[in-house]
């Protein structure tokens, strides 16, 4: 990902993708048309821990400072130094204190962690876009949208867990394969839990 020093840290945070954001708490037999039911909206709290600072995201009215219990733990350990808490919406990339190659942490939806590593630092080149609104720029998208675990083709519509008939957990399934495998008419087959899932690539949010 290519970022600019003048760019807000919150814009960088918004570009971090995680499939768990698009899980729903609605079972397969429930209506899931309300986007508020998906984790990205139900659990908006997140932070980036860089150097000695917790940059928390408070843009959503329902957001909480999920760094608090971690900071409390750190104060009880002599191996940790003092830390700070800052609202990321007011911080620009150029204001960060960081070390190239040093792993930092992004945490969201409670306890989902991602490593963040800044690998390079350079001046803006004439061939780079001069328009700040175009940043951050995704240079290489290593994440590929999951496919249905049965047909290996369609985009998943359900996440299946605790199934007595599927060896993988969680399992992604499209609507057709899910209904054929788990239902006979209106009757459920086997024991399982299934929740609605939205593929972010479809742009439904």
C-alpha atoms as a PDB file:
ATOM      1  CA  UNK A   1       0.000   0.000   0.000  1.00  0.00           C
ATOM      2  CA  UNK A   2       1.355   3.415  -0.989  1.00  0.00           C
ATOM      3  CA  UNK A   3       0.553   6.218   1.446  1.00  0.00           C
ATOM      4  CA  UNK A   4       1.360   9.926   1.652  1.00  0.00           C
ATOM      5  CA  UNK A   5       2.743  11.815   4.614  1.00  0.00           C
ATOM      6  CA  UNK A   6      -0.071  14.368   4.413  1.00  0.00           C
ATOM      7  CA  UNK A   7      -2.684  11.620   4.523  1.00  0.00           C
ATOM      8  CA  UNK A   8      -4.727  11.059   7.670  1.00  0.00           C
ATOM      9  CA  UNK A   9      -4.050   7.852   9.572  1.00  0.00           C
ATOM     10  CA  UNK A  10      -7.789   7.139   9.587  1.00  0.00           C
ATOM     11  CA  UNK A  11      -7.740   6.813   5.782  1.00  0.00           C
ATOM     12  CA  UNK A  12      -5.006   4.199   6.088  1.00  0.00           C
ATOM     13  CA  UNK A  13      -7.076   2.332   8.672  1.00  0.00           C
ATOM     14  CA  UNK A  14     -10.098   2.299   6.331  1.00  0.00           C
ATOM     15  CA  UNK A  15      -8.033   0.590   3.643  1.00  0.00           C
ATOM     16  CA  UNK A  16      -7.123  -2.383   5.843  1.00  0.00           C
ATOM     17  CA  UNK A  17      -9.299  -5.296   4.761  1.00  0.00           C
ATOM     18  CA  UNK A  18     -10.396  -8.229   6.909  1.00  0.00           C
ATOM     19  CA  UNK A  19     -13.079 -10.761   5.875  1.00  0.00           C
ATOM     20  CA  UNK A  20     -14.356 -10.949   9.451  1.00  0.00           C
ATOM     21  CA  UNK A  21     -15.746  -7.427   9.034  1.00  0.00           C
ATOM     22  CA  UNK A  22     -18.315  -8.900   6.666  1.00  0.00           C
ATOM     23  CA  UNK A  23     -19.605 -11.621   8.944  1.00  0.00           C
ATOM     24  CA  UNK A  24     -23.166 -11.274  10.208  1.00  0.00           C
ATOM     25  CA  UNK A  25     -24.782 -12.249  13.485  1.00  0.00           C
ATOM     26  CA  UNK A  26     -27.905 -13.305  11.578  1.00  0.00           C
ATOM     27  CA  UNK A  27     -28.514 -17.024  11.073  1.00  0.00           C
ATOM     28  CA  UNK A  28     -29.243 -18.416   7.626  1.00  0.00           C
ATOM     29  CA  UNK A  29     -32.987 -18.550   8.333  1.00  0.00           C
ATOM     30  CA  UNK A  30     -33.111 -14.905   9.483  1.00  0.00           C
ATOM     31  CA  UNK A  31     -33.341 -11.707   7.455  1.00  0.00           C
ATOM     32  CA  UNK A  32     -29.916 -10.124   6.942  1.00  0.00           C
ATOM     33  CA  UNK A  33     -30.826  -7.136   4.795  1.00  0.00           C
ATOM     34  CA  UNK A  34     -29.844  -4.646   7.502  1.00  0.00           C
ATOM     35  CA  UNK A  35     -26.145  -3.787   7.083  1.00  0.00           C
ATOM     36  CA  UNK A  36     -26.041  -2.792  10.753  1.00  0.00           C
ATOM     37  CA  UNK A  37     -26.011  -6.531  11.551  1.00  0.00           C
ATOM     38  CA  UNK A  38     -22.570  -7.024  10.003  1.00  0.00           C
ATOM     39  CA  UNK A  39     -19.469  -6.882  12.185  1.00  0.00           C
ATOM     40  CA  UNK A  40     -17.956  -3.879  10.411  1.00  0.00           C
ATOM     41  CA  UNK A  41     -20.916  -1.853  11.686  1.00  0.00           C
ATOM     42  CA  UNK A  42     -21.723  -3.715  14.910  1.00  0.00           C
ATOM     43  CA  UNK A  43     -18.165  -3.496  16.232  1.00  0.00           C
ATOM     44  CA  UNK A  44     -16.655  -0.249  14.876  1.00  0.00           C
ATOM     45  CA  UNK A  45     -13.964   0.026  17.558  1.00  0.00           C
ATOM     46  CA  UNK A  46     -10.344  -0.350  16.484  1.00  0.00           C
ATOM     47  CA  UNK A  47      -6.842   0.923  17.088  1.00  0.00           C
ATOM     48  CA  UNK A  48      -3.372   1.011  15.579  1.00  0.00           C
ATOM     49  CA  UNK A  49      -0.503   0.573  18.024  1.00  0.00           C
ATOM     50  CA  UNK A  50       2.586   2.253  16.594  1.00  0.00           C
ATOM     51  CA  UNK A  51       5.775   2.763  18.616  1.00  0.00           C
ATOM     52  CA  UNK A  52       4.391   3.791  22.019  1.00  0.00           C
ATOM     53  CA  UNK A  53       1.002   5.145  20.994  1.00  0.00           C
ATOM     54  CA  UNK A  54      -2.478   3.663  20.683  1.00  0.00           C
ATOM     55  CA  UNK A  55      -4.202   5.467  17.824  1.00  0.00           C
ATOM     56  CA  UNK A  56      -7.881   4.786  18.401  1.00  0.00           C
ATOM     57  CA  UNK A  57     -10.723   5.223  15.932  1.00  0.00           C
ATOM     58  CA  UNK A  58     -13.533   7.260  17.488  1.00  0.00           C
ATOM     59  CA  UNK A  59     -15.374   8.360  14.355  1.00  0.00           C
ATOM     60  CA  UNK A  60     -18.344   6.111  15.050  1.00  0.00           C
ATOM     61  CA  UNK A  61     -20.638   7.096  17.931  1.00  0.00           C
ATOM     62  CA  UNK A  62     -20.668   3.466  19.105  1.00  0.00           C
ATOM     63  CA  UNK A  63     -16.884   3.132  19.122  1.00  0.00           C
ATOM     64  CA  UNK A  64     -15.118   2.304  22.376  1.00  0.00           C
ATOM     65  CA  UNK A  65     -11.495   2.481  23.415  1.00  0.00           C
ATOM     66  CA  UNK A  66     -10.630  -1.217  23.182  1.00  0.00           C
ATOM     67  CA  UNK A  67      -7.008  -0.421  24.029  1.00  0.00           C
ATOM     68  CA  UNK A  68      -7.897   0.313  27.659  1.00  0.00           C
ATOM     69  CA  UNK A  69      -7.596  -3.255  29.051  1.00  0.00           C
ATOM     70  CA  UNK A  70      -4.334  -3.710  27.151  1.00  0.00           C
ATOM     71  CA  UNK A  71      -2.923  -0.496  28.577  1.00  0.00           C
ATOM     72  CA  UNK A  72      -3.957  -1.543  32.070  1.00  0.00           C
ATOM     73  CA  UNK A  73      -2.120  -4.827  31.595  1.00  0.00           C
ATOM     74  CA  UNK A  74       0.992  -3.018  30.347  1.00  0.00           C
ATOM     75  CA  UNK A  75       1.127  -0.715  33.379  1.00  0.00           C
ATOM     76  CA  UNK A  76       1.448  -3.795  35.604  1.00  0.00           C
ATOM     77  CA  UNK A  77       4.485  -5.106  33.720  1.00  0.00           C
ATOM     78  CA  UNK A  78       7.884  -3.516  34.202  1.00  0.00           C
ATOM     79  CA  UNK A  79       8.959  -4.638  30.741  1.00  0.00           C
ATOM     80  CA  UNK A  80       6.599  -2.090  29.131  1.00  0.00           C
ATOM     81  CA  UNK A  81       7.225   1.625  29.048  1.00  0.00           C
ATOM     82  CA  UNK A  82       4.624   4.390  29.195  1.00  0.00           C
ATOM     83  CA  UNK A  83       2.090   4.619  26.376  1.00  0.00           C
ATOM     84  CA  UNK A  84      -0.127   7.336  24.922  1.00  0.00           C
ATOM     85  CA  UNK A  85      -3.636   7.395  23.469  1.00  0.00           C
ATOM     86  CA  UNK A  86      -4.455   9.580  20.462  1.00  0.00           C
ATOM     87  CA  UNK A  87      -7.485   9.907  18.183  1.00  0.00           C
ATOM     88  CA  UNK A  88      -6.292   8.724  14.760  1.00  0.00           C
ATOM     89  CA  UNK A  89      -8.687  11.086  12.966  1.00  0.00           C
ATOM     90  CA  UNK A  90      -6.415  13.988  13.945  1.00  0.00           C
ATOM     91  CA  UNK A  91      -3.097  12.384  13.003  1.00  0.00           C
ATOM     92  CA  UNK A  92      -1.252  12.542   9.698  1.00  0.00           C
ATOM     93  CA  UNK A  93       1.127   9.823   8.560  1.00  0.00           C
ATOM     94  CA  UNK A  94       4.047  12.254   8.687  1.00  0.00           C
ATOM     95  CA  UNK A  95       3.407  12.819  12.409  1.00  0.00           C
ATOM     96  CA  UNK A  96       4.027   9.171  13.310  1.00  0.00           C
ATOM     97  CA  UNK A  97       7.108   8.015  15.171  1.00  0.00           C
ATOM     98  CA  UNK A  98       7.991   4.666  13.650  1.00  0.00           C
ATOM     99  CA  UNK A  99      10.771   2.345  12.561  1.00  0.00           C
ATOM    100  CA  UNK A 100      10.935   0.782   9.110  1.00  0.00           C
ATOM    101  CA  UNK A 101      10.555  -2.996   9.251  1.00  0.00           C
ATOM    102  CA  UNK A 102       9.168  -2.936  12.796  1.00  0.00           C
ATOM    103  CA  UNK A 103       5.921  -4.914  13.215  1.00  0.00           C
ATOM    104  CA  UNK A 104       3.066  -2.846  14.638  1.00  0.00           C
ATOM    105  CA  UNK A 105      -0.478  -3.933  15.451  1.00  0.00           C
ATOM    106  CA  UNK A 106      -3.939  -3.172  14.111  1.00  0.00           C
ATOM    107  CA  UNK A 107      -6.807  -4.543  16.218  1.00  0.00           C
ATOM    108  CA  UNK A 108     -10.534  -4.449  15.475  1.00  0.00           C
ATOM    109  CA  UNK A 109     -13.875  -6.199  16.174  1.00  0.00           C
ATOM    110  CA  UNK A 110     -12.750  -7.014  19.683  1.00  0.00           C
ATOM    111  CA  UNK A 111      -9.694  -9.225  19.309  1.00  0.00           C
ATOM    112  CA  UNK A 112      -8.857  -9.622  15.617  1.00  0.00           C
ATOM    113  CA  UNK A 113      -5.192  -8.669  15.176  1.00  0.00           C
ATOM    114  CA  UNK A 114      -3.174  -7.777  12.075  1.00  0.00           C
ATOM    115  CA  UNK A 115       0.504  -6.935  11.743  1.00  0.00           C
ATOM    116  CA  UNK A 116       1.311  -3.616  10.078  1.00  0.00           C
ATOM    117  CA  UNK A 117       4.833  -3.041   8.746  1.00  0.00           C
ATOM    118  CA  UNK A 118       6.152   0.115   7.088  1.00  0.00           C
ATOM    119  CA  UNK A 119       8.820  -1.059   4.662  1.00  0.00           C
ATOM    120  CA  UNK A 120       9.966   1.957   2.669  1.00  0.00           C
ATOM    121  CA  UNK A 121      10.246   5.740   2.869  1.00  0.00           C
ATOM    122  CA  UNK A 122      10.894   8.046  -0.069  1.00  0.00           C
ATOM    123  CA  UNK A 123      10.138  11.447  -1.540  1.00  0.00           C
ATOM    124  CA  UNK A 124       7.207  11.956  -3.873  1.00  0.00           C
ATOM    125  CA  UNK A 125       8.229  11.250  -7.475  1.00  0.00           C
ATOM    126  CA  UNK A 126       6.880  13.204 -10.480  1.00  0.00           C
ATOM    127  CA  UNK A 127       5.393   9.948 -11.788  1.00  0.00           C
ATOM    128  CA  UNK A 128       3.382   9.530  -8.579  1.00  0.00           C
ATOM    129  CA  UNK A 129      -0.125  10.926  -8.423  1.00  0.00           C
ATOM    130  CA  UNK A 130      -0.030  14.414  -6.940  1.00  0.00           C
ATOM    131  CA  UNK A 131      -3.683  14.230  -5.895  1.00  0.00           C
ATOM    132  CA  UNK A 132      -3.843  13.497  -2.164  1.00  0.00           C
ATOM    133  CA  UNK A 133      -7.422  12.241  -2.456  1.00  0.00           C
ATOM    134  CA  UNK A 134      -6.217   9.255  -4.505  1.00  0.00           C
ATOM    135  CA  UNK A 135      -4.232   7.872  -1.560  1.00  0.00           C
ATOM    136  CA  UNK A 136      -3.759   5.326  -0.139  1.00  0.00           C
ATOM    137  CA  UNK A 137      -3.006   3.353  -3.297  1.00  0.00           C
ATOM    138  CA  UNK A 138      -3.235  -0.432  -3.156  1.00  0.00           C
ATOM    139  CA  UNK A 139      -0.089  -1.672  -4.905  1.00  0.00           C
ATOM    140  CA  UNK A 140      -0.701  -5.398  -4.583  1.00  0.00           C
ATOM    141  CA  UNK A 141      -3.886  -7.015  -3.348  1.00  0.00           C
ATOM    142  CA  UNK A 142      -2.723 -10.326  -1.895  1.00  0.00           C
ATOM    143  CA  UNK A 143      -6.165 -11.034  -0.533  1.00  0.00           C
ATOM    144  CA  UNK A 144      -8.499 -12.810  -2.896  1.00  0.00           C
ATOM    145  CA  UNK A 145     -12.184 -12.976  -2.169  1.00  0.00           C
ATOM    146  CA  UNK A 146     -13.115 -16.422  -0.851  1.00  0.00           C
ATOM    147  CA  UNK A 147     -14.992 -18.787  -3.115  1.00  0.00           C
ATOM    148  CA  UNK A 148     -17.602 -21.365  -2.268  1.00  0.00           C
ATOM    149  CA  UNK A 149     -15.839 -24.396  -0.761  1.00  0.00           C
ATOM    150  CA  UNK A 150     -18.068 -26.743  -2.785  1.00  0.00           C
ATOM    151  CA  UNK A 151     -18.284 -25.389  -6.332  1.00  0.00           C
ATOM    152  CA  UNK A 152     -15.066 -23.332  -6.033  1.00  0.00           C
ATOM    153  CA  UNK A 153     -16.627 -20.725  -8.295  1.00  0.00           C
ATOM    154  CA  UNK A 154     -19.418 -18.604  -6.831  1.00  0.00           C
ATOM    155  CA  UNK A 155     -19.048 -15.918  -4.176  1.00  0.00           C
ATOM    156  CA  UNK A 156     -20.052 -17.115  -0.709  1.00  0.00           C
ATOM    157  CA  UNK A 157     -23.311 -16.047   0.869  1.00  0.00           C
ATOM    158  CA  UNK A 158     -22.987 -18.016   4.105  1.00  0.00           C
ATOM    159  CA  UNK A 159     -20.377 -18.856   6.734  1.00  0.00           C
ATOM    160  CA  UNK A 160     -20.840 -22.328   8.235  1.00  0.00           C
ATOM    161  CA  UNK A 161     -19.417 -23.440  11.579  1.00  0.00           C
ATOM    162  CA  UNK A 162     -19.810 -26.371  13.980  1.00  0.00           C
ATOM    163  CA  UNK A 163     -20.957 -28.608  11.136  1.00  0.00           C
ATOM    164  CA  UNK A 164     -20.975 -32.380  11.561  1.00  0.00           C
ATOM    165  CA  UNK A 165     -20.673 -32.831   7.777  1.00  0.00           C
ATOM    166  CA  UNK A 166     -17.956 -30.351   6.755  1.00  0.00           C
ATOM    167  CA  UNK A 167     -14.305 -30.895   7.783  1.00  0.00           C
ATOM    168  CA  UNK A 168     -13.341 -27.200   7.595  1.00  0.00           C
ATOM    169  CA  UNK A 169     -14.409 -24.417   9.937  1.00  0.00           C
ATOM    170  CA  UNK A 170     -15.416 -21.825   9.083  1.00  0.00           C
ATOM    171  CA  UNK A 171     -16.625 -22.860   5.626  1.00  0.00           C
ATOM    172  CA  UNK A 172     -17.760 -20.447   2.929  1.00  0.00           C
ATOM    173  CA  UNK A 173     -20.697 -21.500   0.730  1.00  0.00           C
ATOM    174  CA  UNK A 174     -22.724 -19.892  -2.040  1.00  0.00           C
ATOM    175  CA  UNK A 175     -26.509 -19.892  -1.750  1.00  0.00           C
ATOM    176  CA  UNK A 176     -27.081 -22.751  -4.201  1.00  0.00           C
ATOM    177  CA  UNK A 177     -24.541 -25.140  -2.675  1.00  0.00           C
ATOM    178  CA  UNK A 178     -25.590 -24.227   0.847  1.00  0.00           C
ATOM    179  CA  UNK A 179     -29.252 -24.984   0.200  1.00  0.00           C
ATOM    180  CA  UNK A 180     -28.522 -28.237  -1.651  1.00  0.00           C
ATOM    181  CA  UNK A 181     -26.103 -29.494   0.990  1.00  0.00           C
ATOM    182  CA  UNK A 182     -27.844 -28.382   4.178  1.00  0.00           C
ATOM    183  CA  UNK A 183     -31.524 -28.488   3.318  1.00  0.00           C
ATOM    184  CA  UNK A 184     -34.015 -30.980   1.944  1.00  0.00           C
ATOM    185  CA  UNK A 185     -37.035 -28.862   1.222  1.00  0.00           C
ATOM    186  CA  UNK A 186     -37.585 -26.840   4.384  1.00  0.00           C
ATOM    187  CA  UNK A 187     -35.822 -29.387   6.603  1.00  0.00           C
ATOM    188  CA  UNK A 188     -32.279 -28.849   7.824  1.00  0.00           C
ATOM    189  CA  UNK A 189     -29.812 -31.710   7.331  1.00  0.00           C
ATOM    190  CA  UNK A 190     -27.275 -32.390  10.077  1.00  0.00           C
ATOM    191  CA  UNK A 191     -26.054 -30.129  12.860  1.00  0.00           C
ATOM    192  CA  UNK A 192     -24.498 -26.799  11.941  1.00  0.00           C
ATOM    193  CA  UNK A 193     -24.580 -23.062  12.431  1.00  0.00           C
ATOM    194  CA  UNK A 194     -24.740 -20.783   9.404  1.00  0.00           C
ATOM    195  CA  UNK A 195     -24.561 -17.014   9.209  1.00  0.00           C
ATOM    196  CA  UNK A 196     -25.013 -14.572   6.358  1.00  0.00           C
ATOM    197  CA  UNK A 197     -21.864 -13.233   4.697  1.00  0.00           C
ATOM    198  CA  UNK A 198     -21.303 -10.401   2.214  1.00  0.00           C
ATOM    199  CA  UNK A 199     -18.374 -10.464  -0.188  1.00  0.00           C
ATOM    200  CA  UNK A 200     -16.730  -7.028   0.101  1.00  0.00           C
ATOM    201  CA  UNK A 201     -15.749  -7.201  -3.578  1.00  0.00           C
ATOM    202  CA  UNK A 202     -19.406  -6.906  -4.514  1.00  0.00           C
ATOM    203  CA  UNK A 203     -19.396  -3.397  -3.075  1.00  0.00           C
ATOM    204  CA  UNK A 204     -22.575  -3.773  -1.038  1.00  0.00           C
ATOM    205  CA  UNK A 205     -21.340  -1.556   1.806  1.00  0.00           C
END
